[in-house]
N, C-alpha and C. Protein backbone atom coordinates (compact mmCIF):
# COMPACT_ATOMS: atom_id res chain seq x y z
N MET A 1 0.71 -1.02 0.09
CA MET A 1 -0.24 0.27 0.13
C MET A 1 0.68 1.36 -0.10
N LYS A 2 0.75 1.94 -1.18
CA LYS A 2 1.48 3.01 -0.75
C LYS A 2 0.87 4.31 0.40
N ILE A 3 1.38 5.05 0.99
CA ILE A 3 1.52 6.16 2.08
C ILE A 3 2.10 7.19 1.58
N LEU A 4 0.99 8.19 1.77
CA LEU A 4 1.80 9.70 2.02
C LEU A 4 2.08 10.21 3.33
N THR A 5 3.54 10.64 3.15
CA THR A 5 3.83 11.06 4.83
C THR A 5 4.29 12.27 4.43
N SER A 6 3.56 13.60 5.28
CA SER A 6 3.29 14.91 4.90
C SER A 6 4.67 15.45 5.41
N GLY A 7 5.87 15.50 5.75
CA GLY A 7 7.20 16.03 6.19
C GLY A 7 8.20 15.56 6.53
N GLY A 8 9.29 16.20 6.01
CA GLY A 8 10.51 14.72 6.36
C GLY A 8 11.43 15.47 7.39
N GLY A 9 10.83 15.65 8.35
CA GLY A 9 11.79 15.85 9.42
C GLY A 9 11.49 14.84 9.98
N ILE A 10 12.17 14.51 11.20
CA ILE A 10 12.54 13.79 11.82
C ILE A 10 11.22 12.45 12.04
N ALA A 11 9.90 13.26 12.23
CA ALA A 11 8.72 12.31 12.61
C ALA A 11 8.49 11.64 11.28
N GLY A 12 8.48 12.29 10.36
CA GLY A 12 8.14 11.93 8.96
C GLY A 12 8.98 10.83 8.27
N LEU A 13 10.24 10.92 8.35
CA LEU A 13 10.89 10.22 7.87
C LEU A 13 11.17 8.81 8.41
N THR A 14 11.06 9.01 10.51
CA THR A 14 10.73 7.69 10.92
C THR A 14 9.09 6.69 10.87
N CYS A 15 8.31 7.39 10.71
CA CYS A 15 7.35 6.75 10.25
C CYS A 15 7.46 6.30 8.52
N ALA A 16 8.07 6.97 8.12
CA ALA A 16 8.11 6.21 6.70
C ALA A 16 8.90 4.79 6.69
N PHE A 17 10.28 5.25 7.87
CA PHE A 17 11.16 3.91 7.96
C PHE A 17 10.54 2.79 8.35
N TRP A 18 9.42 2.79 9.24
CA TRP A 18 8.62 1.46 9.73
C TRP A 18 7.53 1.21 8.75
N LEU A 19 6.69 2.16 8.11
CA LEU A 19 5.86 1.83 7.21
C LEU A 19 6.28 0.91 6.08
N HIS A 20 8.02 1.10 5.75
CA HIS A 20 8.39 0.06 5.09
C HIS A 20 8.99 -1.13 5.34
N LEU A 21 9.23 -1.14 6.85
CA LEU A 21 9.51 -2.38 7.27
C LEU A 21 8.33 -3.16 7.62
N GLU A 22 6.87 -2.40 7.73
CA GLU A 22 6.16 -3.38 7.32
C GLU A 22 5.35 -3.59 6.06
N GLY A 23 6.03 -3.72 5.30
CA GLY A 23 5.97 -3.78 3.59
C GLY A 23 5.05 -2.89 3.14
N HIS A 24 4.61 -1.74 2.89
CA HIS A 24 4.31 -0.36 2.37
C HIS A 24 4.95 0.11 1.96
N THR A 25 4.75 0.93 0.99
CA THR A 25 5.40 1.95 -0.02
C THR A 25 5.10 3.56 0.50
N PRO A 26 5.99 4.16 1.95
CA PRO A 26 5.76 5.49 2.01
C PRO A 26 6.54 6.47 0.73
N VAL A 27 5.67 7.21 0.67
CA VAL A 27 6.10 8.56 -0.12
C VAL A 27 6.10 9.84 0.92
N VAL A 28 7.31 10.29 0.94
CA VAL A 28 7.41 11.60 1.88
C VAL A 28 7.62 13.02 1.23
N VAL A 29 6.89 13.94 1.00
CA VAL A 29 6.99 15.35 0.90
C VAL A 29 7.22 15.76 1.46
N GLU A 30 8.08 16.93 1.01
CA GLU A 30 8.21 18.11 2.25
C GLU A 30 8.02 19.24 1.50
N ARG A 31 8.43 20.52 1.60
CA ARG A 31 7.79 21.83 1.04
C ARG A 31 8.64 22.34 1.42
N ALA A 32 9.95 22.00 2.22
CA ALA A 32 11.64 23.16 2.30
C ALA A 32 12.16 23.17 1.18
N PRO A 33 13.08 24.03 1.00
CA PRO A 33 13.54 23.72 -0.16
C PRO A 33 14.93 22.98 -0.07
N THR A 34 15.34 22.73 1.19
CA THR A 34 16.27 22.04 1.44
C THR A 34 15.99 21.11 2.71
N GLY A 35 16.81 20.39 2.99
CA GLY A 35 17.05 19.41 4.21
C GLY A 35 17.26 19.67 5.38
N PRO A 36 17.51 19.51 6.59
CA PRO A 36 17.66 20.22 7.55
C PRO A 36 19.27 20.79 7.60
N LEU A 37 19.92 21.75 7.94
CA LEU A 37 20.70 22.25 7.89
C LEU A 37 21.40 21.73 9.03
N GLY A 38 20.98 21.70 10.55
CA GLY A 38 21.63 21.45 11.13
C GLY A 38 20.98 19.96 11.81
N GLY A 39 22.09 19.48 13.15
CA GLY A 39 21.39 18.08 13.84
C GLY A 39 20.32 18.64 14.80
N TYR A 40 20.22 17.57 15.29
CA TYR A 40 19.36 17.06 16.60
C TYR A 40 19.96 17.07 18.07
N GLY A 41 19.59 18.14 18.30
CA GLY A 41 20.39 18.00 20.21
C GLY A 41 20.00 16.42 20.81
N ILE A 42 20.94 15.70 20.17
CA ILE A 42 21.21 14.33 21.64
C ILE A 42 22.41 14.43 22.05
N ASP A 43 22.36 13.48 22.96
CA ASP A 43 23.99 13.88 23.81
C ASP A 43 23.75 11.91 24.35
N PHE A 44 24.88 11.55 23.77
CA PHE A 44 25.28 10.35 24.26
C PHE A 44 26.44 10.32 25.13
N PRO A 45 25.97 9.89 26.51
CA PRO A 45 27.42 10.26 27.71
C PRO A 45 27.84 8.93 26.97
N GLY A 46 29.34 9.36 27.63
CA GLY A 46 30.70 8.14 27.22
C GLY A 46 30.57 7.69 25.45
N SER A 47 31.52 6.90 25.35
CA SER A 47 31.45 6.52 23.91
C SER A 47 30.08 6.83 23.44
N PRO A 48 29.93 7.46 22.28
CA PRO A 48 28.52 6.93 21.14
C PRO A 48 27.99 5.60 20.77
N VAL A 49 29.45 5.01 20.62
CA VAL A 49 29.62 3.55 19.77
C VAL A 49 28.98 2.77 20.90
N ALA A 50 29.07 2.58 22.01
CA ALA A 50 29.11 1.68 23.32
C ALA A 50 27.89 1.90 23.71
N THR A 51 27.00 3.53 23.51
CA THR A 51 25.67 3.55 23.95
C THR A 51 24.69 3.13 22.47
N VAL A 52 24.85 3.40 21.64
CA VAL A 52 24.36 2.32 20.26
C VAL A 52 24.07 1.29 20.74
N GLU A 53 25.34 0.10 21.26
CA GLU A 53 25.39 -1.21 21.14
C GLU A 53 24.41 -1.19 22.35
N ARG A 54 24.59 -0.71 23.24
CA ARG A 54 23.34 -1.27 24.36
C ARG A 54 21.97 -1.22 24.08
């Protein structure tokens, strides 16, 4: 099933990711002329690789 997701931010892309894993065909639309220019404020204590592995 094709599913339209409005917004290419973190929520829209996460939604599209999970829909794809469930076998759907997500289509993401975004009105902004460019993607995000900065990152999201996420702080990983200690080694980021060790945190992700946990």
